[in-house]
C-alpha atoms as a PDB file:
ATOM      1  CA  UNK A   1      40.472 152.912 157.761  1.00  0.00           C
ATOM      2  CA  UNK A   2      38.533 150.415 159.825  1.00  0.00           C
ATOM      3  CA  UNK A   3      37.537 146.843 159.246  1.00  0.00           C
ATOM      4  CA  UNK A   4      33.822 146.149 158.962  1.00  0.00           C
ATOM      5  CA  UNK A   5      32.118 142.959 160.050  1.00  0.00           C
ATOM      6  CA  UNK A   6      29.876 142.502 157.016  1.00  0.00           C
ATOM      7  CA  UNK A   7      31.295 144.293 153.964  1.00  0.00           C
ATOM      8  CA  UNK A   8      34.349 146.220 152.887  1.00  0.00           C
ATOM      9  CA  UNK A   9      34.413 148.936 150.266  1.00  0.00           C
ATOM     10  CA  UNK A  10      36.644 148.829 147.218  1.00  0.00           C
ATOM     11  CA  UNK A  11      36.777 150.601 143.864  1.00  0.00           C
ATOM     12  CA  UNK A  12      35.667 148.813 140.708  1.00  0.00           C
ATOM     13  CA  UNK A  13      36.779 150.069 137.291  1.00  0.00           C
ATOM     14  CA  UNK A  14      35.245 148.581 134.141  1.00  0.00           C
ATOM     15  CA  UNK A  15      36.465 149.286 130.584  1.00  0.00           C
ATOM     16  CA  UNK A  16      34.818 152.382 129.167  1.00  0.00           C
ATOM     17  CA  UNK A  17      33.176 153.320 132.457  1.00  0.00           C
ATOM     18  CA  UNK A  18      33.877 155.599 135.394  1.00  0.00           C
ATOM     19  CA  UNK A  19      35.224 154.089 138.650  1.00  0.00           C
ATOM     20  CA  UNK A  20      32.563 153.125 141.170  1.00  0.00           C
ATOM     21  CA  UNK A  21      32.405 151.909 144.756  1.00  0.00           C
ATOM     22  CA  UNK A  22      31.904 148.160 145.179  1.00  0.00           C
ATOM     23  CA  UNK A  23      30.896 146.296 148.321  1.00  0.00           C
ATOM     24  CA  UNK A  24      32.647 143.000 149.071  1.00  0.00           C
ATOM     25  CA  UNK A  25      31.525 140.659 151.884  1.00  0.00           C
ATOM     26  CA  UNK A  26      34.015 139.788 154.603  1.00  0.00           C
ATOM     27  CA  UNK A  27      32.756 136.217 155.057  1.00  0.00           C
ATOM     28  CA  UNK A  28      33.276 133.010 153.079  1.00  0.00           C
ATOM     29  CA  UNK A  29      31.793 134.550 149.923  1.00  0.00           C
ATOM     30  CA  UNK A  30      34.542 137.165 149.680  1.00  0.00           C
ATOM     31  CA  UNK A  31      36.730 135.354 147.151  1.00  0.00           C
ATOM     32  CA  UNK A  32      33.771 134.385 144.970  1.00  0.00           C
ATOM     33  CA  UNK A  33      32.584 137.990 144.937  1.00  0.00           C
ATOM     34  CA  UNK A  34      36.009 139.211 143.814  1.00  0.00           C
ATOM     35  CA  UNK A  35      36.055 136.523 141.099  1.00  0.00           C
ATOM     36  CA  UNK A  36      32.620 137.708 139.951  1.00  0.00           C
ATOM     37  CA  UNK A  37      33.760 141.317 139.784  1.00  0.00           C
ATOM     38  CA  UNK A  38      36.859 140.550 137.670  1.00  0.00           C
ATOM     39  CA  UNK A  39      35.120 137.714 135.773  1.00  0.00           C
ATOM     40  CA  UNK A  40      37.502 134.910 136.692  1.00  0.00           C
ATOM     41  CA  UNK A  41      40.447 133.972 138.883  1.00  0.00           C
ATOM     42  CA  UNK A  42      42.437 136.966 140.013  1.00  0.00           C
ATOM     43  CA  UNK A  43      45.921 138.227 140.724  1.00  0.00           C
ATOM     44  CA  UNK A  44      46.941 141.295 142.715  1.00  0.00           C
ATOM     45  CA  UNK A  45      49.716 143.862 142.379  1.00  0.00           C
ATOM     46  CA  UNK A  46      50.729 146.179 145.212  1.00  0.00           C
ATOM     47  CA  UNK A  47      50.429 149.763 143.984  1.00  0.00           C
ATOM     48  CA  UNK A  48      51.403 151.974 146.925  1.00  0.00           C
ATOM     49  CA  UNK A  49      51.414 152.237 150.718  1.00  0.00           C
ATOM     50  CA  UNK A  50      48.385 154.155 151.993  1.00  0.00           C
ATOM     51  CA  UNK A  51      49.503 154.168 155.636  1.00  0.00           C
ATOM     52  CA  UNK A  52      48.231 152.466 158.789  1.00  0.00           C
ATOM     53  CA  UNK A  53      49.851 149.195 157.711  1.00  0.00           C
ATOM     54  CA  UNK A  54      47.858 148.922 154.479  1.00  0.00           C
ATOM     55  CA  UNK A  55      48.638 149.157 150.785  1.00  0.00           C
ATOM     56  CA  UNK A  56      46.412 149.745 147.799  1.00  0.00           C
ATOM     57  CA  UNK A  57      46.409 146.705 145.527  1.00  0.00           C
ATOM     58  CA  UNK A  58      45.195 146.450 141.939  1.00  0.00           C
ATOM     59  CA  UNK A  59      43.269 143.207 141.430  1.00  0.00           C
ATOM     60  CA  UNK A  60      42.686 141.902 137.892  1.00  0.00           C
ATOM     61  CA  UNK A  61      41.681 138.743 136.081  1.00  0.00           C
ATOM     62  CA  UNK A  62      44.924 136.745 135.978  1.00  0.00           C
ATOM     63  CA  UNK A  63      44.123 135.520 132.445  1.00  0.00           C
ATOM     64  CA  UNK A  64      42.957 138.866 131.099  1.00  0.00           C
ATOM     65  CA  UNK A  65      45.451 138.878 128.218  1.00  0.00           C
ATOM     66  CA  UNK A  66      44.930 135.280 126.968  1.00  0.00           C
ATOM     67  CA  UNK A  67      41.165 135.763 127.260  1.00  0.00           C
ATOM     68  CA  UNK A  68      41.391 138.921 125.175  1.00  0.00           C
ATOM     69  CA  UNK A  69      39.558 141.085 127.704  1.00  0.00           C
ATOM     70  CA  UNK A  70      38.910 144.688 126.700  1.00  0.00           C
ATOM     71  CA  UNK A  71      41.592 147.300 127.391  1.00  0.00           C
ATOM     72  CA  UNK A  72      40.628 149.337 130.434  1.00  0.00           C
ATOM     73  CA  UNK A  73      43.151 151.901 131.710  1.00  0.00           C
ATOM     74  CA  UNK A  74      46.780 152.925 131.252  1.00  0.00           C
ATOM     75  CA  UNK A  75      49.016 152.925 134.301  1.00  0.00           C
ATOM     76  CA  UNK A  76      50.214 156.348 135.469  1.00  0.00           C
ATOM     77  CA  UNK A  77      53.417 157.829 134.061  1.00  0.00           C
ATOM     78  CA  UNK A  78      56.142 156.743 133.626  1.00  0.00           C
ATOM     79  CA  UNK A  79      54.494 153.335 133.100  1.00  0.00           C
ATOM     80  CA  UNK A  80      51.714 154.549 130.817  1.00  0.00           C
ATOM     81  CA  UNK A  81      52.642 151.922 128.209  1.00  0.00           C
ATOM     82  CA  UNK A  82      51.417 149.243 130.632  1.00  0.00           C
ATOM     83  CA  UNK A  83      47.707 148.554 130.283  1.00  0.00           C
ATOM     84  CA  UNK A  84      45.082 147.016 132.549  1.00  0.00           C
ATOM     85  CA  UNK A  85      42.795 144.670 130.626  1.00  0.00           C
ATOM     86  CA  UNK A  86      39.315 143.725 131.813  1.00  0.00           C
ATOM     87  CA  UNK A  87      37.659 144.805 135.042  1.00  0.00           C
ATOM     88  CA  UNK A  88      39.939 145.782 137.896  1.00  0.00           C
ATOM     89  CA  UNK A  89      39.525 146.409 141.598  1.00  0.00           C
ATOM     90  CA  UNK A  90      41.454 148.790 143.821  1.00  0.00           C
ATOM     91  CA  UNK A  91      41.482 147.223 147.286  1.00  0.00           C
ATOM     92  CA  UNK A  92      43.257 148.160 150.516  1.00  0.00           C
ATOM     93  CA  UNK A  93      45.052 145.163 152.027  1.00  0.00           C
ATOM     94  CA  UNK A  94      47.286 144.811 155.068  1.00  0.00           C
ATOM     95  CA  UNK A  95      50.906 144.801 153.915  1.00  0.00           C
ATOM     96  CA  UNK A  96      53.907 142.903 155.256  1.00  0.00           C
ATOM     97  CA  UNK A  97      54.875 145.739 157.595  1.00  0.00           C
ATOM     98  CA  UNK A  98      51.602 145.455 159.509  1.00  0.00           C
ATOM     99  CA  UNK A  99      52.060 141.824 160.558  1.00  0.00           C
ATOM    100  CA  UNK A 100      48.373 141.314 159.778  1.00  0.00           C
ATOM    101  CA  UNK A 101      46.438 139.732 156.937  1.00  0.00           C
ATOM    102  CA  UNK A 102      43.222 140.564 155.163  1.00  0.00           C
ATOM    103  CA  UNK A 103      41.401 143.289 153.300  1.00  0.00           C
ATOM    104  CA  UNK A 104      40.933 146.658 154.982  1.00  0.00           C
ATOM    105  CA  UNK A 105      37.766 148.673 154.531  1.00  0.00           C
ATOM    106  CA  UNK A 106      38.001 152.035 152.793  1.00  0.00           C
ATOM    107  CA  UNK A 107      35.221 154.339 154.013  1.00  0.00           C
ATOM    108  CA  UNK A 108      33.205 155.881 151.203  1.00  0.00           C
ATOM    109  CA  UNK A 109      34.861 159.295 151.535  1.00  0.00           C
ATOM    110  CA  UNK A 110      38.266 157.627 151.107  1.00  0.00           C
ATOM    111  CA  UNK A 111      36.985 155.710 148.079  1.00  0.00           C
ATOM    112  CA  UNK A 112      35.789 158.975 146.506  1.00  0.00           C
ATOM    113  CA  UNK A 113      39.215 160.511 147.102  1.00  0.00           C
ATOM    114  CA  UNK A 114      40.946 157.595 145.374  1.00  0.00           C
ATOM    115  CA  UNK A 115      38.367 157.603 142.575  1.00  0.00           C
ATOM    116  CA  UNK A 116      39.356 161.154 141.689  1.00  0.00           C
ATOM    117  CA  UNK A 117      43.036 160.138 141.686  1.00  0.00           C
ATOM    118  CA  UNK A 118      42.288 157.111 139.487  1.00  0.00           C
ATOM    119  CA  UNK A 119      40.345 159.252 137.011  1.00  0.00           C
ATOM    120  CA  UNK A 120      43.213 161.723 136.711  1.00  0.00           C
ATOM    121  CA  UNK A 121      46.158 159.298 136.783  1.00  0.00           C
ATOM    122  CA  UNK A 122      44.888 156.126 135.065  1.00  0.00           C
ATOM    123  CA  UNK A 123      43.951 157.356 131.607  1.00  0.00           C
ATOM    124  CA  UNK A 124      41.101 155.452 129.918  1.00  0.00           C
ATOM    125  CA  UNK A 125      41.998 153.288 126.934  1.00  0.00           C
ATOM    126  CA  UNK A 126      40.599 154.056 123.497  1.00  0.00           C
ATOM    127  CA  UNK A 127      39.520 150.442 123.050  1.00  0.00           C
ATOM    128  CA  UNK A 128      41.927 149.283 120.344  1.00  0.00           C
ATOM    129  CA  UNK A 129      45.054 148.873 122.480  1.00  0.00           C
ATOM    130  CA  UNK A 130      46.826 145.513 122.328  1.00  0.00           C
ATOM    131  CA  UNK A 131      48.900 143.823 125.050  1.00  0.00           C
ATOM    132  CA  UNK A 132      52.660 144.013 124.773  1.00  0.00           C
ATOM    133  CA  UNK A 133      54.657 140.813 124.303  1.00  0.00           C
ATOM    134  CA  UNK A 134      55.822 141.252 127.904  1.00  0.00           C
ATOM    135  CA  UNK A 135      52.206 141.302 129.056  1.00  0.00           C
ATOM    136  CA  UNK A 136      51.673 137.808 127.648  1.00  0.00           C
ATOM    137  CA  UNK A 137      54.469 136.266 129.718  1.00  0.00           C
ATOM    138  CA  UNK A 138      53.942 134.562 133.069  1.00  0.00           C
ATOM    139  CA  UNK A 139      56.830 133.805 135.418  1.00  0.00           C
ATOM    140  CA  UNK A 140      56.761 131.136 138.101  1.00  0.00           C
ATOM    141  CA  UNK A 141      59.375 130.592 140.809  1.00  0.00           C
ATOM    142  CA  UNK A 142      60.950 133.913 139.843  1.00  0.00           C
ATOM    143  CA  UNK A 143      64.476 134.425 141.127  1.00  0.00           C
ATOM    144  CA  UNK A 144      65.038 130.740 141.883  1.00  0.00           C
ATOM    145  CA  UNK A 145      66.862 127.987 139.963  1.00  0.00           C
ATOM    146  CA  UNK A 146      63.389 126.655 139.050  1.00  0.00           C
ATOM    147  CA  UNK A 147      62.346 129.934 137.406  1.00  0.00           C
ATOM    148  CA  UNK A 148      60.218 129.310 134.355  1.00  0.00           C
ATOM    149  CA  UNK A 149      58.575 131.582 131.791  1.00  0.00           C
ATOM    150  CA  UNK A 150      55.504 130.583 129.835  1.00  0.00           C
ATOM    151  CA  UNK A 151      52.440 131.883 128.030  1.00  0.00           C
ATOM    152  CA  UNK A 152      48.913 130.550 127.554  1.00  0.00           C
ATOM    153  CA  UNK A 153      47.986 129.747 123.951  1.00  0.00           C
ATOM    154  CA  UNK A 154      44.384 129.022 123.017  1.00  0.00           C
ATOM    155  CA  UNK A 155      43.788 125.565 121.519  1.00  0.00           C
ATOM    156  CA  UNK A 156      40.889 123.457 120.319  1.00  0.00           C
ATOM    157  CA  UNK A 157      39.023 121.445 122.924  1.00  0.00           C
ATOM    158  CA  UNK A 158      41.179 118.398 123.788  1.00  0.00           C
ATOM    159  CA  UNK A 159      39.801 114.927 123.140  1.00  0.00           C
ATOM    160  CA  UNK A 160      39.609 114.128 126.837  1.00  0.00           C
ATOM    161  CA  UNK A 161      38.483 116.752 129.335  1.00  0.00           C
ATOM    162  CA  UNK A 162      36.571 114.641 131.851  1.00  0.00           C
ATOM    163  CA  UNK A 163      39.493 114.433 134.314  1.00  0.00           C
ATOM    164  CA  UNK A 164      40.304 117.790 135.860  1.00  0.00           C
ATOM    165  CA  UNK A 165      41.060 119.677 139.051  1.00  0.00           C
ATOM    166  CA  UNK A 166      38.902 122.673 139.902  1.00  0.00           C
ATOM    167  CA  UNK A 167      40.987 125.801 140.487  1.00  0.00           C
ATOM    168  CA  UNK A 168      38.630 128.646 141.302  1.00  0.00           C
ATOM    169  CA  UNK A 169      36.816 129.567 138.113  1.00  0.00           C
ATOM    170  CA  UNK A 170      39.190 127.514 135.961  1.00  0.00           C
ATOM    171  CA  UNK A 171      39.662 123.794 135.439  1.00  0.00           C
ATOM    172  CA  UNK A 172      43.110 122.205 135.237  1.00  0.00           C
ATOM    173  CA  UNK A 173      42.651 119.471 132.663  1.00  0.00           C
ATOM    174  CA  UNK A 174      44.531 116.247 133.380  1.00  0.00           C
ATOM    175  CA  UNK A 175      46.777 115.940 130.332  1.00  0.00           C
ATOM    176  CA  UNK A 176      49.891 113.789 130.117  1.00  0.00           C
ATOM    177  CA  UNK A 177      51.596 115.834 127.412  1.00  0.00           C
ATOM    178  CA  UNK A 178      51.164 119.459 128.482  1.00  0.00           C
ATOM    179  CA  UNK A 179      49.272 121.724 130.878  1.00  0.00           C
ATOM    180  CA  UNK A 180      45.778 122.719 129.793  1.00  0.00           C
ATOM    181  CA  UNK A 181      43.202 124.922 131.504  1.00  0.00           C
ATOM    182  CA  UNK A 182      39.571 125.540 130.679  1.00  0.00           C
ATOM    183  CA  UNK A 183      37.823 128.799 131.512  1.00  0.00           C
ATOM    184  CA  UNK A 184      34.605 130.228 130.095  1.00  0.00           C
ATOM    185  CA  UNK A 185      34.382 127.211 127.787  1.00  0.00           C
ATOM    186  CA  UNK A 186      37.740 128.001 126.174  1.00  0.00           C
ATOM    187  CA  UNK A 187      40.927 125.929 126.400  1.00  0.00           C
ATOM    188  CA  UNK A 188      44.497 127.140 126.769  1.00  0.00           C
ATOM    189  CA  UNK A 189      47.790 125.262 126.610  1.00  0.00           C
ATOM    190  CA  UNK A 190      50.784 126.346 128.679  1.00  0.00           C
ATOM    191  CA  UNK A 191      53.791 126.886 126.395  1.00  0.00           C
ATOM    192  CA  UNK A 192      57.295 127.375 127.774  1.00  0.00           C
ATOM    193  CA  UNK A 193      59.116 130.284 126.176  1.00  0.00           C
ATOM    194  CA  UNK A 194      62.678 131.518 125.887  1.00  0.00           C
ATOM    195  CA  UNK A 195      63.678 134.547 127.939  1.00  0.00           C
ATOM    196  CA  UNK A 196      66.721 136.782 127.547  1.00  0.00           C
ATOM    197  CA  UNK A 197      68.344 134.994 130.472  1.00  0.00           C
ATOM    198  CA  UNK A 198      68.035 131.434 129.250  1.00  0.00           C
ATOM    199  CA  UNK A 199      65.816 128.881 127.627  1.00  0.00           C
ATOM    200  CA  UNK A 200      63.529 127.541 130.297  1.00  0.00           C
ATOM    201  CA  UNK A 201      62.340 123.973 130.069  1.00  0.00           C
END
Protein backbone atom coordinates (compact mmCIF):
# COMPACT_ATOMS: atom_id res chain seq x y z
CA UNK A 1 0.00 0.00 0.00
CA UNK A 2 1.33 3.40 -0.95
CA UNK A 3 0.18 6.90 -0.21
CA UNK A 4 -0.97 8.97 -3.17
CA UNK A 5 -0.61 12.71 -3.47
CA UNK A 6 -4.09 13.47 -4.81
CA UNK A 7 -6.56 10.72 -3.87
CA UNK A 8 -6.75 7.56 -1.83
CA UNK A 9 -9.00 4.61 -2.55
CA UNK A 10 -11.49 3.24 -0.07
CA UNK A 11 -14.53 0.98 -0.21
CA UNK A 12 -18.02 2.44 0.04
CA UNK A 13 -20.97 0.23 1.00
CA UNK A 14 -24.51 1.59 0.75
CA UNK A 15 -27.63 -0.19 2.06
CA UNK A 16 -29.03 -2.56 -0.53
CA UNK A 17 -26.09 -2.13 -2.89
CA UNK A 18 -22.85 -3.91 -3.69
CA UNK A 19 -19.56 -2.49 -2.32
CA UNK A 20 -17.78 -0.08 -4.65
CA UNK A 21 -14.46 1.74 -4.80
CA UNK A 22 -14.55 5.37 -3.69
CA UNK A 23 -11.91 8.04 -4.25
CA UNK A 24 -11.16 10.42 -1.38
CA UNK A 25 -8.91 13.49 -1.78
CA UNK A 26 -5.83 13.78 0.40
CA UNK A 27 -6.04 17.57 0.76
CA UNK A 28 -8.18 19.86 2.90
CA UNK A 29 -11.40 18.49 1.39
CA UNK A 30 -10.77 14.99 2.74
CA UNK A 31 -12.95 15.26 5.84
CA UNK A 32 -15.81 16.92 3.96
CA UNK A 33 -15.71 14.16 1.35
CA UNK A 34 -15.94 11.48 4.03
CA UNK A 35 -18.85 13.36 5.64
CA UNK A 36 -20.58 13.47 2.25
CA UNK A 37 -20.12 9.75 1.73
CA UNK A 38 -21.59 8.79 5.13
CA UNK A 39 -24.10 11.68 5.09
CA UNK A 40 -22.99 13.40 8.28
CA UNK A 41 -20.33 13.46 10.98
CA UNK A 42 -18.49 10.18 11.29
CA UNK A 43 -16.92 7.78 13.74
CA UNK A 44 -14.45 4.99 13.02
CA UNK A 45 -13.91 1.51 14.43
CA UNK A 46 -10.70 -0.45 13.91
CA UNK A 47 -11.58 -3.77 12.27
CA UNK A 48 -8.28 -5.59 11.75
CA UNK A 49 -4.57 -5.13 11.08
CA UNK A 50 -3.78 -5.38 7.36
CA UNK A 51 0.00 -5.17 7.81
CA UNK A 52 2.61 -2.54 6.94
CA UNK A 53 1.57 -0.47 9.96
CA UNK A 54 -2.03 -0.02 8.78
CA UNK A 55 -5.42 -1.23 9.93
CA UNK A 56 -8.74 -1.42 8.14
CA UNK A 57 -11.26 0.88 9.79
CA UNK A 58 -15.03 0.93 9.36
CA UNK A 59 -16.28 4.52 9.12
CA UNK A 60 -19.98 5.27 9.69
CA UNK A 61 -22.29 8.17 10.44
CA UNK A 62 -21.90 8.63 14.20
CA UNK A 63 -25.63 9.39 14.54
CA UNK A 64 -26.84 6.61 12.26
CA UNK A 65 -29.10 5.06 14.90
CA UNK A 66 -30.80 8.26 16.18
CA UNK A 67 -31.28 9.40 12.58
CA UNK A 68 -32.92 6.09 11.73
CA UNK A 69 -30.63 5.37 8.79
CA UNK A 70 -31.36 2.21 6.80
CA UNK A 71 -29.84 -1.08 7.96
CA UNK A 72 -26.88 -1.95 5.77
CA UNK A 73 -24.83 -5.03 6.71
CA UNK A 74 -24.39 -7.49 9.56
CA UNK A 75 -20.95 -7.83 11.10
CA UNK A 76 -19.20 -11.16 10.51
CA UNK A 77 -19.73 -14.04 12.93
CA UNK A 78 -19.68 -14.25 15.89
CA UNK A 79 -20.90 -10.63 15.97
CA UNK A 80 -23.59 -11.02 13.31
CA UNK A 81 -26.20 -9.53 15.67
CA UNK A 82 -24.39 -6.19 15.37
CA UNK A 83 -25.59 -4.13 12.42
CA UNK A 84 -24.12 -1.27 10.41
CA UNK A 85 -26.72 1.39 9.68
CA UNK A 86 -26.41 3.87 6.82
CA UNK A 87 -23.52 4.17 4.39
CA UNK A 88 -20.16 2.90 5.57
CA UNK A 89 -16.58 3.20 4.38
CA UNK A 90 -13.76 0.70 4.74
CA UNK A 91 -10.56 2.74 4.92
CA UNK A 92 -6.94 1.78 5.61
CA UNK A 93 -5.40 4.02 8.28
CA UNK A 94 -2.01 4.00 9.96
CA UNK A 95 -2.35 2.33 13.36
CA UNK A 96 -0.61 3.07 16.65
CA UNK A 97 2.17 0.58 15.93
CA UNK A 98 3.30 2.51 12.86
CA UNK A 99 4.03 5.77 14.68
CA UNK A 100 2.43 7.57 11.74
CA UNK A 101 -0.91 9.24 11.12
CA UNK A 102 -3.23 9.47 8.17
CA UNK A 103 -5.15 7.41 5.65
CA UNK A 104 -3.26 4.90 3.53
CA UNK A 105 -4.16 4.29 -0.09
CA UNK A 106 -5.45 0.86 -1.08
CA UNK A 107 -4.61 0.15 -4.73
CA UNK A 108 -7.61 -0.94 -6.77
CA UNK A 109 -6.58 -4.61 -6.82
CA UNK A 110 -6.44 -4.57 -3.01
CA UNK A 111 -9.85 -2.90 -2.86
CA UNK A 112 -11.29 -5.63 -5.10
CA UNK A 113 -9.82 -8.28 -2.81
CA UNK A 114 -11.44 -6.69 0.25
CA UNK A 115 -14.70 -6.18 -1.63
CA UNK A 116 -14.98 -9.92 -2.15
CA UNK A 117 -14.30 -10.50 1.56
CA UNK A 118 -16.92 -7.90 2.53
CA UNK A 119 -19.51 -9.49 0.25
CA UNK A 120 -18.93 -12.92 1.77
CA UNK A 121 -18.48 -11.92 5.43
CA UNK A 122 -20.76 -8.89 5.93
CA UNK A 123 -24.19 -10.25 5.08
CA UNK A 124 -26.64 -7.71 3.62
CA UNK A 125 -29.57 -6.69 5.80
CA UNK A 126 -33.13 -7.45 4.74
CA UNK A 127 -34.17 -3.86 5.40
CA UNK A 128 -36.41 -4.30 8.45
CA UNK A 129 -33.70 -4.80 11.09
CA UNK A 130 -33.83 -2.54 14.14
CA UNK A 131 -30.92 -1.35 16.31
CA UNK A 132 -30.36 -3.09 19.61
CA UNK A 133 -30.73 -1.12 22.84
CA UNK A 134 -26.93 -1.32 23.15
CA UNK A 135 -26.58 0.32 19.74
CA UNK A 136 -28.43 3.40 20.99
CA UNK A 137 -25.99 4.03 23.83
CA UNK A 138 -23.02 6.40 23.60
CA UNK A 139 -20.20 6.35 26.14
CA UNK A 140 -17.90 9.26 26.83
CA UNK A 141 -14.76 9.20 28.99
CA UNK A 142 -15.01 5.41 29.10
CA UNK A 143 -12.96 3.77 31.82
CA UNK A 144 -12.49 6.98 33.80
CA UNK A 145 -14.25 8.35 36.90
CA UNK A 146 -16.02 10.78 34.52
CA UNK A 147 -17.50 7.96 32.42
CA UNK A 148 -20.98 8.81 31.26
CA UNK A 149 -23.59 6.96 29.20
CA UNK A 150 -26.25 8.73 27.19
CA UNK A 151 -28.52 8.47 24.17
CA UNK A 152 -29.88 11.00 21.68
CA UNK A 153 -33.66 11.42 21.74
CA UNK A 154 -35.42 13.35 18.99
CA UNK A 155 -37.36 16.41 20.18
CA UNK A 156 -39.37 19.24 18.69
CA UNK A 157 -37.45 22.28 17.51
CA UNK A 158 -36.47 24.30 20.62
CA UNK A 159 -37.76 27.85 20.99
CA UNK A 160 -34.30 29.33 20.61
CA UNK A 161 -31.84 27.90 18.10
CA UNK A 162 -30.02 31.03 16.94
CA UNK A 163 -27.03 30.49 19.26
CA UNK A 164 -25.00 27.45 18.30
CA UNK A 165 -21.54 26.05 17.68
CA UNK A 166 -20.86 24.39 14.34
CA UNK A 167 -19.52 20.86 14.75
CA UNK A 168 -18.93 19.41 11.31
CA UNK A 169 -22.32 18.73 9.77
CA UNK A 170 -24.12 19.21 13.09
CA UNK A 171 -24.92 22.25 15.20
CA UNK A 172 -24.54 22.24 18.98
CA UNK A 173 -27.43 24.40 20.14
CA UNK A 174 -26.67 26.66 23.10
CA UNK A 175 -29.18 25.46 25.68
CA UNK A 176 -28.94 26.09 29.41
CA UNK A 177 -30.99 23.07 30.45
CA UNK A 178 -29.66 20.19 28.34
CA UNK A 179 -27.50 19.37 25.32
CA UNK A 180 -29.20 19.69 21.94
CA UNK A 181 -27.86 19.08 18.44
CA UNK A 182 -29.37 19.84 15.07
CA UNK A 183 -28.60 17.78 11.98
CA UNK A 184 -30.51 17.54 8.72
CA UNK A 185 -33.12 19.90 10.17
CA UNK A 186 -33.88 17.53 13.05
CA UNK A 187 -33.20 18.15 16.75
CA UNK A 188 -31.95 15.69 19.34
CA UNK A 189 -31.59 16.01 23.11
CA UNK A 190 -28.83 14.21 24.99
CA UNK A 191 -30.35 12.09 27.78
CA UNK A 192 -28.20 10.49 30.48
CA UNK A 193 -29.06 6.86 31.08
CA UNK A 194 -28.45 4.26 33.75
CA UNK A 195 -25.92 1.52 33.03
CA UNK A 196 -25.42 -1.78 34.83
CA UNK A 197 -22.42 -0.29 36.61
CA UNK A 198 -24.04 2.80 38.05
CA UNK A 199 -26.36 5.68 37.42
CA UNK A 200 -24.40 8.30 35.57
CA UNK A 201 -25.25 11.93 36.09
